[in-house]
Amino acid sequence: MDNWWSQAGGYTDNRFTDRRREEFAQMMNANATKVGCSFEKKGRLTSILCLYNSRVVLGQPFYQKLEA
């Protein structure tokens, strides 16, 4: 979780521009409307895997801003 959350910092706009932050960017992807997750625990190590129905695209916006 620390690795995932550390990817959140540094975004200044609404675009996916850094592959090193892909896991966080995927969760912000408005085109992803379905997600499935699983986890595995081995001793003190817990692994989490989530799959989405739409992949975030480098250089593209995460979501479309709408007027209120």
N, C-alpha and C. Protein backbone atom coordinates (compact mmCIF):
# COMPACT_ATOMS: atom_id res chain seq x y z
N MET A 1 0.82 -1.19 0.00
CA MET A 1 0.00 0.00 0.00
C MET A 1 0.86 1.25 0.00
N ASP A 2 1.98 1.22 0.72
CA ASP A 2 2.86 2.39 0.74
C ASP A 2 3.37 2.71 -0.66
N ASN A 3 3.73 1.68 -1.42
CA ASN A 3 4.21 1.89 -2.79
C ASN A 3 3.12 2.50 -3.65
N TRP A 4 1.91 1.99 -3.55
CA TRP A 4 0.80 2.53 -4.34
C TRP A 4 0.53 3.98 -3.97
N TRP A 5 0.43 4.28 -2.68
CA TRP A 5 0.09 5.63 -2.24
C TRP A 5 1.20 6.62 -2.59
N SER A 6 2.46 6.18 -2.57
CA SER A 6 3.57 7.08 -2.90
C SER A 6 3.49 7.55 -4.35
N GLN A 7 2.80 6.81 -5.21
CA GLN A 7 2.65 7.20 -6.61
C GLN A 7 1.68 8.37 -6.78
N ALA A 8 0.88 8.67 -5.78
CA ALA A 8 -0.13 9.72 -5.88
C ALA A 8 0.48 11.11 -5.91
N GLY A 9 1.57 11.31 -5.22
CA GLY A 9 2.18 12.63 -5.13
C GLY A 9 2.79 13.08 -6.44
N GLY A 10 2.80 14.36 -6.67
CA GLY A 10 3.48 14.91 -7.84
C GLY A 10 2.61 15.16 -9.04
N TYR A 11 1.35 14.72 -9.03
CA TYR A 11 0.48 15.01 -10.17
C TYR A 11 0.03 16.46 -10.10
N THR A 12 0.22 17.20 -11.17
CA THR A 12 -0.19 18.61 -11.19
C THR A 12 -1.29 18.86 -12.22
N ASP A 13 -1.56 17.86 -13.04
CA ASP A 13 -2.65 18.03 -14.01
C ASP A 13 -3.41 16.72 -14.14
N ASN A 14 -4.24 16.62 -15.13
CA ASN A 14 -5.16 15.51 -15.32
C ASN A 14 -4.65 14.54 -16.39
N ARG A 15 -3.35 14.33 -16.49
CA ARG A 15 -2.79 13.44 -17.53
C ARG A 15 -1.86 12.40 -16.93
N PHE A 16 -1.91 11.22 -17.52
CA PHE A 16 -1.00 10.14 -17.14
C PHE A 16 0.29 10.34 -17.92
N THR A 17 1.37 10.72 -17.23
CA THR A 17 2.61 11.07 -17.91
C THR A 17 3.82 10.28 -17.42
N ASP A 18 3.66 9.40 -16.46
CA ASP A 18 4.81 8.72 -15.86
C ASP A 18 4.46 7.26 -15.58
N ARG A 19 5.05 6.35 -16.34
CA ARG A 19 4.75 4.90 -16.18
C ARG A 19 5.09 4.38 -14.78
N ARG A 20 5.99 5.07 -14.07
CA ARG A 20 6.33 4.63 -12.71
C ARG A 20 5.15 4.81 -11.75
N ARG A 21 4.14 5.53 -12.19
CA ARG A 21 2.95 5.77 -11.36
C ARG A 21 1.71 5.09 -11.95
N GLU A 22 1.92 4.06 -12.72
CA GLU A 22 0.82 3.43 -13.46
C GLU A 22 -0.25 2.83 -12.55
N GLU A 23 0.15 2.22 -11.45
CA GLU A 23 -0.84 1.58 -10.58
C GLU A 23 -1.82 2.62 -10.02
N PHE A 24 -1.31 3.76 -9.58
CA PHE A 24 -2.19 4.81 -9.07
C PHE A 24 -3.01 5.41 -10.20
N ALA A 25 -2.37 5.67 -11.34
CA ALA A 25 -3.07 6.28 -12.48
C ALA A 25 -4.23 5.40 -12.94
N GLN A 26 -4.05 4.09 -12.89
CA GLN A 26 -5.12 3.19 -13.32
C GLN A 26 -6.38 3.38 -12.48
N MET A 27 -6.21 3.60 -11.19
CA MET A 27 -7.38 3.80 -10.33
C MET A 27 -8.09 5.11 -10.62
N MET A 28 -7.37 6.09 -11.19
CA MET A 28 -7.98 7.38 -11.53
C MET A 28 -8.63 7.36 -12.91
N ASN A 29 -8.41 6.32 -13.67
CA ASN A 29 -8.89 6.22 -15.05
C ASN A 29 -10.42 6.14 -15.10
N ALA A 30 -11.05 7.18 -15.61
CA ALA A 30 -12.51 7.23 -15.68
C ALA A 30 -13.09 6.20 -16.64
N ASN A 31 -12.29 5.71 -17.59
CA ASN A 31 -12.79 4.71 -18.55
C ASN A 31 -12.88 3.32 -17.95
N ALA A 32 -12.27 3.11 -16.82
CA ALA A 32 -12.35 1.81 -16.15
C ALA A 32 -13.65 1.76 -15.35
N THR A 33 -14.56 0.94 -15.80
CA THR A 33 -15.87 0.85 -15.14
C THR A 33 -16.05 -0.47 -14.40
N LYS A 34 -15.09 -1.38 -14.56
CA LYS A 34 -15.15 -2.67 -13.86
C LYS A 34 -13.76 -2.97 -13.30
N VAL A 35 -13.74 -3.56 -12.12
CA VAL A 35 -12.48 -3.92 -11.49
C VAL A 35 -12.69 -5.21 -10.70
N GLY A 36 -11.67 -6.04 -10.70
CA GLY A 36 -11.68 -7.25 -9.90
C GLY A 36 -10.36 -7.35 -9.17
N CYS A 37 -10.40 -7.62 -7.88
CA CYS A 37 -9.18 -7.67 -7.08
C CYS A 37 -9.10 -8.99 -6.31
N SER A 38 -7.87 -9.39 -6.03
CA SER A 38 -7.64 -10.55 -5.18
C SER A 38 -6.42 -10.26 -4.32
N PHE A 39 -6.23 -11.07 -3.30
CA PHE A 39 -5.05 -10.89 -2.47
C PHE A 39 -4.53 -12.25 -2.02
N GLU A 40 -3.26 -12.25 -1.67
CA GLU A 40 -2.62 -13.46 -1.15
C GLU A 40 -1.76 -13.05 0.03
N LYS A 41 -1.83 -13.81 1.08
CA LYS A 41 -1.06 -13.51 2.28
C LYS A 41 -0.12 -14.67 2.55
N LYS A 42 1.18 -14.35 2.65
CA LYS A 42 2.20 -15.35 2.99
C LYS A 42 3.02 -14.79 4.14
N GLY A 43 2.75 -15.28 5.32
CA GLY A 43 3.45 -14.76 6.50
C GLY A 43 3.10 -13.30 6.71
N ARG A 44 4.14 -12.46 6.72
CA ARG A 44 3.93 -11.02 6.93
C ARG A 44 3.73 -10.27 5.62
N LEU A 45 3.84 -10.95 4.48
CA LEU A 45 3.72 -10.32 3.18
C LEU A 45 2.31 -10.51 2.62
N THR A 46 1.70 -9.43 2.20
CA THR A 46 0.39 -9.47 1.55
C THR A 46 0.52 -8.88 0.16
N SER A 47 0.08 -9.61 -0.86
CA SER A 47 0.09 -9.12 -2.24
C SER A 47 -1.34 -8.88 -2.69
N ILE A 48 -1.56 -7.75 -3.37
CA ILE A 48 -2.88 -7.40 -3.89
C ILE A 48 -2.77 -7.21 -5.39
N LEU A 49 -3.69 -7.79 -6.14
CA LEU A 49 -3.72 -7.66 -7.59
C LEU A 49 -5.11 -7.20 -8.00
N CYS A 50 -5.16 -6.13 -8.81
CA CYS A 50 -6.44 -5.64 -9.33
C CYS A 50 -6.36 -5.57 -10.85
N LEU A 51 -7.40 -6.03 -11.52
CA LEU A 51 -7.50 -5.98 -12.97
C LEU A 51 -8.67 -5.08 -13.35
N TYR A 52 -8.46 -4.25 -14.37
CA TYR A 52 -9.46 -3.28 -14.82
C TYR A 52 -9.87 -3.59 -16.25
N ASN A 53 -11.07 -3.18 -16.65
CA ASN A 53 -11.54 -3.46 -18.01
C ASN A 53 -11.05 -2.43 -19.02
N SER A 54 -10.35 -1.39 -18.58
CA SER A 54 -9.81 -0.38 -19.49
C SER A 54 -8.47 0.09 -18.94
N ARG A 55 -7.47 0.11 -19.79
CA ARG A 55 -6.13 0.50 -19.36
C ARG A 55 -5.91 1.99 -19.56
N VAL A 56 -5.24 2.62 -18.61
CA VAL A 56 -4.87 4.03 -18.73
C VAL A 56 -3.84 4.17 -19.85
N VAL A 57 -3.94 5.26 -20.63
CA VAL A 57 -3.07 5.47 -21.80
C VAL A 57 -2.12 6.63 -21.53
N LEU A 58 -0.84 6.39 -21.75
CA LEU A 58 0.18 7.42 -21.53
C LEU A 58 -0.14 8.67 -22.33
N GLY A 59 -0.13 9.82 -21.67
CA GLY A 59 -0.40 11.10 -22.32
C GLY A 59 -1.87 11.50 -22.35
N GLN A 60 -2.75 10.58 -22.02
CA GLN A 60 -4.19 10.87 -22.07
C GLN A 60 -4.70 11.34 -20.70
N PRO A 61 -5.79 12.12 -20.69
CA PRO A 61 -6.38 12.55 -19.41
C PRO A 61 -6.94 11.35 -18.64
N PHE A 62 -6.95 11.47 -17.32
CA PHE A 62 -7.54 10.44 -16.47
C PHE A 62 -9.06 10.46 -16.58
N TYR A 63 -9.62 11.66 -16.69
CA TYR A 63 -11.06 11.83 -16.73
C TYR A 63 -11.38 13.13 -17.44
N GLN A 64 -12.63 13.29 -17.85
CA GLN A 64 -13.08 14.51 -18.52
C GLN A 64 -13.70 15.43 -17.48
N LYS A 65 -13.23 16.66 -17.43
CA LYS A 65 -13.79 17.63 -16.49
C LYS A 65 -15.10 18.16 -17.07
N LEU A 66 -16.13 18.19 -16.25
CA LEU A 66 -17.44 18.68 -16.66
C LEU A 66 -17.77 19.96 -15.91
N GLU A 67 -18.57 20.79 -16.53
CA GLU A 67 -19.03 22.02 -15.88
C GLU A 67 -20.18 21.69 -14.93
N ALA A 68 -20.19 22.35 -13.79
CA ALA A 68 -21.26 22.11 -12.81
C ALA A 68 -22.47 22.95 -13.13
